[in-house]
Protein backbone atom coordinates (compact mmCIF):
# COMPACT_ATOMS: atom_id res chain seq x y z
CA MET A 1 128.45 -128.45 -155.14
CA TRP A 2 127.31 -131.15 -153.44
CA ILE A 3 123.81 -131.95 -152.36
CA SER A 4 123.56 -133.95 -149.03
CA GLN A 5 121.51 -136.88 -147.89
CA GLN A 6 119.01 -134.45 -145.75
CA SER A 7 119.36 -131.94 -148.50
CA LYS A 8 117.65 -134.31 -150.98
CA SER A 9 115.60 -136.02 -148.35
CA VAL A 10 114.10 -132.36 -147.64
CA CYS A 11 113.57 -131.74 -151.66
CA HIS A 12 111.99 -135.63 -152.01
CA ASP A 13 109.69 -134.48 -149.02
CA ALA A 14 108.94 -131.39 -150.03
CA ALA A 15 108.10 -132.61 -153.67
CA LEU A 16 105.21 -135.09 -152.28
CA ASN A 17 103.48 -132.05 -150.68
CA LEU A 18 100.83 -130.63 -153.08
CA ASN A 19 100.72 -127.68 -151.43
CA PHE A 20 104.21 -127.05 -152.15
CA ILE A 21 104.45 -127.68 -155.50
CA ARG A 22 101.21 -124.86 -155.89
CA ARG A 23 103.72 -122.49 -154.38
CA THR A 24 106.84 -123.33 -155.86
CA PRO A 25 108.21 -122.71 -159.24
CA TYR A 26 109.78 -125.75 -160.79
CA ILE A 27 112.87 -123.31 -161.59
CA ARG A 28 113.76 -122.85 -157.57
CA ILE A 29 114.25 -126.36 -157.35
CA PHE A 30 116.45 -127.06 -160.15
CA LYS A 31 119.22 -124.38 -159.06
CA CYS A 32 119.53 -126.41 -155.74
CA ALA A 33 120.64 -129.54 -158.15
CA ALA A 34 124.09 -130.34 -157.76
CA PHE A 35 126.12 -131.56 -161.52
CA ASP A 36 128.07 -134.42 -159.75
CA GLN A 37 126.28 -137.69 -160.71
CA SER A 38 124.35 -138.53 -157.60
CA SER A 39 122.86 -135.34 -157.22
CA ILE A 40 121.46 -135.48 -161.24
CA VAL A 41 119.88 -139.23 -160.20
CA ALA A 42 118.27 -137.42 -157.48
CA PHE A 43 117.27 -134.50 -159.66
CA ALA A 44 116.10 -136.62 -162.06
CA ASN A 45 113.77 -138.37 -159.54
CA LEU A 46 112.90 -134.99 -158.20
CA HIS A 47 111.84 -134.20 -161.84
CA GLN A 48 109.25 -137.40 -161.96
CA ILE A 49 107.75 -136.74 -158.60
CA PHE A 50 107.29 -133.00 -159.59
CA TRP A 51 105.15 -134.39 -162.78
CA GLN A 52 103.71 -137.03 -161.21
CA ASN A 53 102.14 -134.78 -158.36
CA CYS A 54 100.91 -132.31 -160.21
CA MET A 55 99.02 -134.39 -162.63
CA MET A 56 97.63 -135.97 -159.57
CA ASP A 57 96.52 -132.85 -158.62
CA LEU A 58 95.52 -131.01 -161.58
CA HIS A 59 94.43 -133.36 -164.35
CA SER A 60 91.06 -133.19 -165.22
CA ALA A 61 90.05 -130.26 -163.88
CA ILE A 62 88.48 -127.19 -164.71
CA LEU A 63 90.74 -124.48 -164.78
CA PRO A 64 90.45 -120.25 -164.63
CA LEU A 65 92.76 -119.04 -167.96
CA ASP A 66 95.50 -117.92 -164.90
CA ASP A 67 96.02 -121.48 -163.26
CA ALA A 68 95.83 -123.41 -167.00
CA LYS A 69 98.89 -120.53 -167.31
CA GLN A 70 100.61 -121.99 -164.37
CA LEU A 71 100.19 -125.74 -165.21
CA VAL A 72 101.39 -125.32 -169.07
CA TYR A 73 104.06 -123.40 -167.79
CA ARG A 74 105.30 -126.33 -165.07
CA ALA A 75 104.62 -128.64 -167.77
CA GLN A 76 106.72 -126.99 -169.94
CA GLN A 77 109.58 -126.45 -167.20
CA LEU A 78 109.61 -129.96 -167.05
CA GLY A 79 110.40 -131.32 -170.46
CA LYS A 80 106.70 -131.53 -170.65
CA THR A 81 104.92 -131.29 -174.80
CA VAL A 82 101.89 -129.51 -174.19
CA VAL A 83 99.17 -130.10 -176.54
CA PHE A 84 96.13 -127.39 -177.71
CA THR A 85 92.88 -127.94 -178.54
CA ASN A 86 89.05 -125.98 -178.77
CA GLY A 87 86.14 -126.34 -179.91
CA CYS A 88 82.21 -126.39 -178.67
CA PHE A 89 82.07 -129.89 -178.28
CA ASP A 90 78.23 -129.50 -177.69
CA ILE A 91 76.79 -132.92 -178.05
CA LEU A 92 80.10 -135.21 -177.30
CA HIS A 93 80.35 -138.38 -179.42
CA ALA A 94 82.53 -141.26 -180.92
CA GLY A 95 84.46 -138.52 -183.18
CA HIS A 96 84.86 -136.06 -180.31
CA VAL A 97 86.44 -138.63 -178.61
CA GLN A 98 89.15 -140.08 -180.69
CA TYR A 99 90.05 -136.71 -181.70
CA LEU A 100 91.27 -136.10 -178.19
CA GLU A 101 92.84 -139.71 -177.80
CA LYS A 102 94.53 -138.77 -181.08
CA ALA A 103 95.31 -134.76 -180.13
CA LYS A 104 96.64 -136.78 -176.53
CA ALA A 105 99.28 -138.93 -178.23
CA LEU A 106 101.05 -136.09 -179.48
CA GLY A 107 102.44 -135.04 -176.52
CA ASP A 108 102.28 -135.37 -172.72
CA MET A 109 99.62 -132.55 -171.82
CA LEU A 110 96.07 -131.81 -173.32
CA ILE A 111 94.43 -128.53 -172.84
CA VAL A 112 90.99 -128.19 -174.51
CA ALA A 113 89.28 -124.91 -174.66
CA ILE A 114 85.61 -124.50 -174.95
CA ASN A 115 83.42 -121.93 -176.36
CA SER A 116 80.91 -120.54 -173.53
CA ASP A 117 77.52 -120.62 -174.20
CA ALA A 118 77.23 -116.99 -175.28
CA SER A 119 80.04 -117.83 -177.41
CA VAL A 120 78.39 -120.55 -178.93
CA ARG A 121 75.32 -119.06 -179.52
CA ARG A 122 76.84 -116.15 -181.64
CA LEU A 123 79.12 -118.83 -184.08
CA LYS A 124 76.16 -121.28 -184.63
CA GLY A 125 72.41 -119.20 -183.41
CA ALA A 126 69.76 -120.74 -181.46
CA PRO A 127 69.16 -122.64 -179.97
CA ARG A 128 72.86 -123.85 -179.71
CA PRO A 129 74.20 -125.03 -177.72
CA ILE A 130 72.16 -128.05 -176.73
CA ASN A 131 74.15 -128.61 -173.27
CA SER A 132 75.71 -126.09 -171.14
CA GLU A 133 78.89 -124.85 -170.86
CA GLN A 134 79.69 -126.07 -167.30
CA ASP A 135 77.51 -129.63 -168.48
CA ARG A 136 80.12 -129.69 -171.36
CA ALA A 137 82.92 -128.59 -169.41
CA TYR A 138 82.31 -131.45 -167.08
CA ILE A 139 81.85 -134.25 -168.99
CA LEU A 140 85.11 -133.30 -171.21
CA SER A 141 87.06 -133.42 -167.70
CA ARG A 142 86.13 -136.56 -167.13
CA LEU A 143 87.90 -137.98 -170.28
CA LYS A 144 90.82 -139.84 -170.21
CA PRO A 145 93.03 -137.89 -172.62
CA VAL A 146 92.25 -134.14 -171.33
CA ASP A 147 94.32 -132.74 -168.34
CA ALA A 148 92.49 -129.52 -168.27
CA VAL A 149 89.48 -127.57 -169.72
CA VAL A 150 88.96 -123.43 -170.22
CA VAL A 151 86.12 -121.97 -171.08
CA PHE A 152 86.20 -119.12 -173.18
CA ASP A 153 83.91 -116.17 -174.27
CA ASP A 154 85.29 -115.00 -177.22
CA ASP A 155 84.69 -115.87 -181.02
CA THR A 156 87.91 -117.42 -180.61
CA PRO A 157 90.44 -119.27 -178.92
CA LEU A 158 93.53 -116.47 -179.94
CA ARG A 159 93.75 -114.78 -176.23
CA ILE A 160 93.86 -118.27 -174.43
CA ILE A 161 96.40 -119.34 -176.76
CA GLU A 162 98.56 -116.45 -176.55
CA THR A 163 98.28 -116.76 -172.67
CA LEU A 164 99.35 -120.41 -172.83
CA LEU A 165 101.47 -120.67 -175.69
CA PRO A 166 100.87 -124.25 -176.18
CA ASP A 167 103.53 -126.69 -177.85
CA ILE A 168 101.20 -128.01 -180.58
CA LEU A 169 98.18 -126.72 -181.60
CA VAL A 170 95.52 -128.79 -182.66
CA LYS A 171 92.64 -128.66 -185.09
CA GLY A 172 90.37 -130.83 -186.72
CA SER A 173 91.57 -131.56 -190.70
CA ASP A 174 88.25 -129.78 -192.14
CA TRP A 175 90.45 -126.44 -191.32
CA ALA A 176 93.38 -125.43 -193.82
CA VAL A 177 96.27 -124.96 -191.82
CA GLU A 178 97.41 -121.27 -192.62
CA ASN A 179 93.59 -120.25 -191.22
CA ILE A 180 93.60 -121.88 -187.67
CA VAL A 181 93.40 -118.94 -185.54
CA GLY A 182 96.94 -119.10 -183.28
CA LYS A 183 98.49 -120.57 -186.22
CA ASP A 184 101.28 -117.85 -186.35
CA ILE A 185 101.53 -117.66 -182.35
CA VAL A 186 102.64 -120.97 -181.84
CA GLU A 187 104.54 -120.68 -184.68
CA ALA A 188 106.24 -117.85 -183.52
CA HIS A 189 107.51 -119.81 -180.08
CA GLY A 190 108.84 -122.51 -181.80
CA GLY A 191 105.67 -125.35 -181.80
CA GLU A 192 104.18 -126.62 -184.60
CA VAL A 193 100.52 -126.54 -185.77
CA ARG A 194 98.62 -130.14 -186.58
CA THR A 195 95.60 -131.62 -188.22
CA ILE A 196 93.65 -134.49 -187.07
CA GLU A 197 91.08 -136.51 -189.32
CA PHE A 198 87.68 -136.95 -187.74
CA LEU A 199 86.05 -140.05 -187.40
CA ASP A 200 83.68 -140.38 -190.53
CA GLY A 201 79.94 -140.12 -190.24
CA ARG A 202 80.53 -138.38 -186.74
CA SER A 203 79.08 -134.67 -185.49
CA THR A 204 76.74 -132.74 -182.86
CA SER A 205 74.20 -131.38 -185.77
CA GLY A 206 74.07 -135.21 -187.24
CA THR A 207 73.26 -136.57 -184.02
CA ILE A 208 70.70 -133.44 -183.46
CA GLU A 209 69.29 -134.25 -186.99
CA LYS A 210 69.11 -138.01 -186.27
CA ILE A 211 67.06 -137.43 -182.63
CA LEU A 212 64.69 -134.92 -184.65
CA LYS A 213 63.70 -137.24 -187.47
CA ALA A 214 63.46 -140.41 -184.54
CA TYR A 215 60.98 -137.92 -182.74
CA ARG A 216 59.21 -137.04 -185.75
CA ASN A 217 58.15 -140.36 -186.79
CA SER A 218 57.84 -141.79 -183.91
């Protein structure tokens, strides 16, 4: 099947329209691609346009789970590797940032799920979290390695992992791989589970202790 120059132009213009990208699953555009040399080149260009505009539109977003699912689906349809991690990320420090940089380096897109305030309190007790879920999500969404943030209220991110089905699931090296929540789900869908070393001597609890000690001694 031959794609006309006019059709290529229409597809190109549509791909530049972000609202069109939101409304149109990528697979519909794929169906209009011909497999002669010129149309394959045009399709490759369209592929890149879709990815760039998708990232421009949704980069650093705080998303509900349904929107995050659509984002992950689009990325995977474009052949991109989606990385997922989760945590409380209460008082952000250099260890967090380095961890997220290493996680992003494993793929093309990094989705970070954070525990809601209620979830943090159940896991760590009062008076945690120090920073609200809104503040934590906003700060994370402003970081260069992070492409989207999702807040979850459960004790574990299992439901989010089941919904998003990332290609790579990442946790800190303090977790044994066999104990990582969502491991079986990700691996059953052909993904992999990785651990990343933390920056030594950095932690939220350590930061809190340093602050308390400084004020006690002042």
